[in-house]
N, C-alpha and C. Protein backbone atom coordinates (compact mmCIF):
# COMPACT_ATOMS: atom_id res chain seq x y z
N MET A 1 112.49 -54.59 194.33
CA MET A 1 111.49 -54.16 193.21
C MET A 1 111.10 -52.62 193.59
N THR A 2 111.07 -52.18 194.56
CA THR A 2 110.76 -50.81 194.81
C THR A 2 111.77 -49.79 194.28
N ASP A 3 112.97 -50.19 194.30
CA ASP A 3 114.11 -49.34 193.71
C ASP A 3 113.85 -49.15 192.24
N LEU A 4 113.49 -50.31 191.58
CA LEU A 4 113.17 -50.06 190.20
C LEU A 4 111.98 -49.23 189.93
N LEU A 5 110.96 -49.27 190.71
CA LEU A 5 110.00 -48.32 190.60
C LEU A 5 110.32 -46.93 190.88
N PHE A 6 111.25 -46.62 191.76
CA PHE A 6 111.74 -45.42 192.22
C PHE A 6 112.41 -44.79 191.08
N ILE A 7 113.24 -45.54 190.42
CA ILE A 7 114.05 -44.99 189.21
C ILE A 7 113.21 -44.68 188.05
N GLY A 8 112.20 -45.64 187.75
CA GLY A 8 111.31 -45.33 186.78
C GLY A 8 110.41 -44.04 186.81
N ASN A 9 110.24 -43.57 188.13
CA ASN A 9 109.49 -42.18 188.26
C ASN A 9 110.35 -40.99 188.18
N MET A 10 111.71 -41.24 188.13
CA MET A 10 112.51 -40.04 188.09
C MET A 10 112.33 -39.40 186.58
N ARG A 11 112.24 -38.06 186.57
CA ARG A 11 112.24 -37.38 185.22
C ARG A 11 113.49 -36.40 185.19
N GLY A 12 113.67 -36.13 184.01
CA GLY A 12 114.69 -35.12 183.55
C GLY A 12 115.56 -34.55 184.68
N TRP A 13 115.20 -33.38 185.35
CA TRP A 13 116.15 -32.68 186.31
C TRP A 13 116.51 -33.44 187.43
N GLN A 14 115.77 -34.37 187.84
CA GLN A 14 115.92 -35.21 188.99
C GLN A 14 117.00 -36.35 188.71
N LEU A 15 116.85 -36.69 187.49
CA LEU A 15 117.99 -37.70 187.09
C LEU A 15 119.43 -36.95 186.89
N ILE A 16 119.38 -35.84 186.59
CA ILE A 16 120.46 -35.09 186.20
C ILE A 16 121.13 -34.77 187.73
N ILE A 17 120.38 -34.30 188.66
CA ILE A 17 120.93 -34.19 189.99
C ILE A 17 121.40 -35.47 190.72
N VAL A 18 120.77 -36.43 190.47
CA VAL A 18 121.34 -37.76 190.96
C VAL A 18 122.80 -38.10 190.29
N LEU A 19 122.82 -37.93 188.85
CA LEU A 19 124.11 -38.39 188.42
C LEU A 19 124.97 -37.40 188.73
N LEU A 20 124.83 -36.05 189.04
CA LEU A 20 125.86 -35.00 189.46
C LEU A 20 126.29 -35.51 190.87
N VAL A 21 125.44 -35.85 191.80
CA VAL A 21 125.86 -36.35 193.03
C VAL A 21 126.65 -37.48 192.94
N ILE A 22 126.35 -38.32 192.19
CA ILE A 22 127.18 -39.71 191.88
C ILE A 22 128.62 -39.28 191.46
N LEU A 23 128.75 -38.31 190.59
CA LEU A 23 129.88 -37.80 189.95
C LEU A 23 130.66 -37.08 191.00
N LEU A 24 130.05 -36.37 192.02
CA LEU A 24 130.94 -35.63 193.06
C LEU A 24 131.36 -36.79 193.94
N LEU A 25 130.70 -37.77 194.35
CA LEU A 25 130.94 -38.64 195.33
C LEU A 25 132.17 -39.65 194.91
N PHE A 26 132.14 -40.03 193.71
CA PHE A 26 132.95 -41.02 193.21
C PHE A 26 134.16 -40.33 192.38
N GLY A 27 133.86 -39.24 191.90
CA GLY A 27 134.87 -38.58 190.99
C GLY A 27 134.86 -39.23 189.45
N GLY A 28 135.34 -38.39 188.58
CA GLY A 28 135.35 -38.70 187.21
C GLY A 28 136.14 -40.02 186.84
N LYS A 29 137.26 -40.13 187.59
CA LYS A 29 138.11 -41.59 187.28
C LYS A 29 137.57 -42.71 187.83
N LYS A 30 136.83 -42.66 188.91
CA LYS A 30 136.25 -43.73 189.45
C LYS A 30 134.97 -44.55 188.74
N ILE A 31 134.27 -43.69 188.12
CA ILE A 31 133.03 -44.17 187.43
C ILE A 31 133.10 -45.10 186.37
N PRO A 32 134.08 -44.93 185.48
CA PRO A 32 134.48 -46.08 184.49
C PRO A 32 134.88 -47.45 185.18
N GLU A 33 135.71 -47.36 186.18
CA GLU A 33 136.00 -48.58 186.97
C GLU A 33 134.76 -49.07 187.66
N LEU A 34 133.92 -48.32 188.07
CA LEU A 34 132.62 -48.90 188.64
C LEU A 34 131.85 -49.55 187.75
N MET A 35 131.60 -48.91 186.51
CA MET A 35 130.92 -49.50 185.48
C MET A 35 131.32 -50.71 184.94
N ARG A 36 132.83 -50.78 184.80
CA ARG A 36 133.36 -51.98 184.41
C ARG A 36 133.17 -53.14 185.33
N GLY A 37 133.36 -52.75 186.69
CA GLY A 37 133.01 -53.78 187.68
C GLY A 37 131.52 -54.39 187.78
N LEU A 38 130.74 -53.36 187.34
CA LEU A 38 129.36 -53.77 187.39
C LEU A 38 128.88 -54.67 186.21
N GLY A 39 129.77 -54.11 184.98
CA GLY A 39 129.54 -55.01 183.70
C GLY A 39 130.04 -56.58 183.96
N LYS A 40 131.15 -56.68 184.63
CA LYS A 40 131.74 -58.08 184.78
C LYS A 40 130.86 -58.71 185.76
N GLY A 41 130.43 -58.05 186.63
CA GLY A 41 129.35 -58.75 187.73
C GLY A 41 128.02 -59.38 187.13
N MET A 42 127.58 -58.46 186.11
CA MET A 42 126.38 -58.71 185.41
C MET A 42 126.79 -59.92 184.46
N ALA A 43 127.85 -59.98 183.71
CA ALA A 43 128.25 -61.14 182.98
C ALA A 43 128.47 -62.39 183.60
N SER A 44 129.05 -62.14 184.96
CA SER A 44 129.18 -63.34 185.79
C SER A 44 127.82 -63.98 186.13
N PHE A 45 126.91 -63.08 186.48
CA PHE A 45 125.67 -63.45 187.04
C PHE A 45 124.91 -64.23 185.77
N ARG A 46 124.92 -63.65 184.70
CA ARG A 46 124.45 -64.27 183.50
C ARG A 46 124.99 -65.64 183.09
N GLN A 47 126.28 -65.83 183.26
CA GLN A 47 126.84 -67.16 183.13
C GLN A 47 126.45 -68.13 184.07
N GLY A 48 126.21 -67.44 185.35
CA GLY A 48 125.68 -68.48 186.41
C GLY A 48 124.30 -68.81 186.13
N LEU A 49 123.52 -68.05 185.57
CA LEU A 49 122.15 -68.36 185.41
C LEU A 49 122.02 -69.57 184.13
N GLU A 50 123.19 -69.34 183.11
CA GLU A 50 122.95 -70.28 182.03
C GLU A 50 123.47 -71.67 182.60
N ASP A 51 124.51 -71.57 183.51
CA ASP A 51 125.03 -72.84 184.11
C ASP A 51 123.92 -73.52 184.78
N ALA A 52 123.13 -72.78 185.67
CA ALA A 52 122.19 -73.48 186.39
C ALA A 52 121.18 -74.07 185.28
N LYS A 53 120.69 -73.25 184.36
CA LYS A 53 119.58 -73.66 183.58
C LYS A 53 120.30 -75.06 182.89
N SER A 54 121.28 -74.99 182.41
CA SER A 54 121.92 -76.14 181.75
C SER A 54 122.01 -77.37 182.64
N GLU A 55 122.31 -77.26 183.86
CA GLU A 55 122.30 -78.12 184.94
C GLU A 55 120.98 -78.83 185.27
N MET A 56 119.93 -77.93 185.36
CA MET A 56 118.58 -78.26 185.45
C MET A 56 118.02 -79.11 184.36
N GLU A 57 118.53 -78.95 183.06
CA GLU A 57 117.94 -79.64 182.01
C GLU A 57 118.64 -80.95 181.78
N LYS A 58 119.60 -81.17 182.46
CA LYS A 58 120.25 -82.54 182.38
C LYS A 58 119.34 -83.58 183.02
N PRO A 59 119.29 -84.73 182.30
CA PRO A 59 118.52 -85.95 182.76
C PRO A 59 119.19 -86.30 184.18
N VAL A 60 118.21 -86.83 185.06
CA VAL A 60 118.47 -87.34 186.28
C VAL A 60 118.77 -88.66 186.18
N THR A 61 119.88 -89.01 186.60
CA THR A 61 120.25 -90.54 186.72
C THR A 61 120.57 -90.95 188.14
N PRO A 62 119.94 -92.18 188.54
CA PRO A 62 120.36 -92.63 190.02
C PRO A 62 121.99 -92.91 190.15
N SER A 63 122.32 -92.53 191.32
CA SER A 63 123.78 -92.67 191.53
C SER A 63 124.40 -93.98 191.33
N GLY A 64 123.51 -95.07 191.63
CA GLY A 64 124.07 -96.32 191.34
C GLY A 64 124.14 -96.70 189.69
N GLN A 65 123.47 -95.94 188.96
CA GLN A 65 123.51 -96.04 187.56
C GLN A 65 124.82 -95.51 186.98
N LYS A 66 125.41 -94.60 187.72
CA LYS A 66 126.55 -93.92 187.20
C LYS A 66 127.84 -95.18 187.47
N ASP A 67 127.87 -95.61 188.58
CA ASP A 67 128.71 -96.58 188.86
C ASP A 67 128.70 -97.81 188.06
N LYS A 68 127.53 -98.26 187.73
CA LYS A 68 127.44 -99.42 186.95
C LYS A 68 127.91 -99.12 185.38
N ASP A 69 127.47 -98.08 184.83
CA ASP A 69 127.80 -97.57 183.49
C ASP A 69 129.58 -97.59 183.57
N LYS A 70 130.23 -97.03 184.58
CA LYS A 70 131.64 -96.97 184.57
C LYS A 70 132.23 -98.20 184.61
N SER A 71 131.58 -99.27 185.57
CA SER A 71 132.14 -100.54 185.46
C SER A 71 132.07 -101.17 184.18
N ASP A 72 130.86 -100.99 183.35
CA ASP A 72 130.55 -101.62 182.18
C ASP A 72 131.66 -101.16 181.19
N ASN A 73 131.93 -99.87 181.22
CA ASN A 73 132.96 -99.37 180.31
C ASN A 73 134.34 -99.94 180.57
N ASP A 74 134.66 -100.10 181.81
CA ASP A 74 135.97 -100.58 182.25
C ASP A 74 136.09 -102.07 181.70
N LYS A 75 135.06 -102.83 181.81
CA LYS A 75 135.02 -104.15 181.27
C LYS A 75 135.17 -104.42 179.81
N SER A 76 134.51 -103.45 179.11
CA SER A 76 134.52 -103.43 177.63
C SER A 76 136.03 -103.18 177.20
N GLU A 77 136.65 -102.28 177.87
CA GLU A 77 138.03 -101.73 177.45
C GLU A 77 139.07 -102.87 177.60
N ALA A 78 138.78 -103.61 178.74
CA ALA A 78 139.81 -104.81 178.94
C ALA A 78 139.85 -105.82 177.92
């Protein structure tokens, strides 16, 4: 959380200096690769959140109930 506050306090020339340092450290060719990887990571994280949310919204059934339903379906098919 403190990192986000630090970035929010940066103004004009400070942001330019940080961006120039990043450019010098990683080079112009590596930055698009880094951003692409960051984007894929964020997409994966969002997908995981959606999966977790949908899993939490599913109704809870006792484990014995699943077995009973399964055996009832097997009997009705026979």
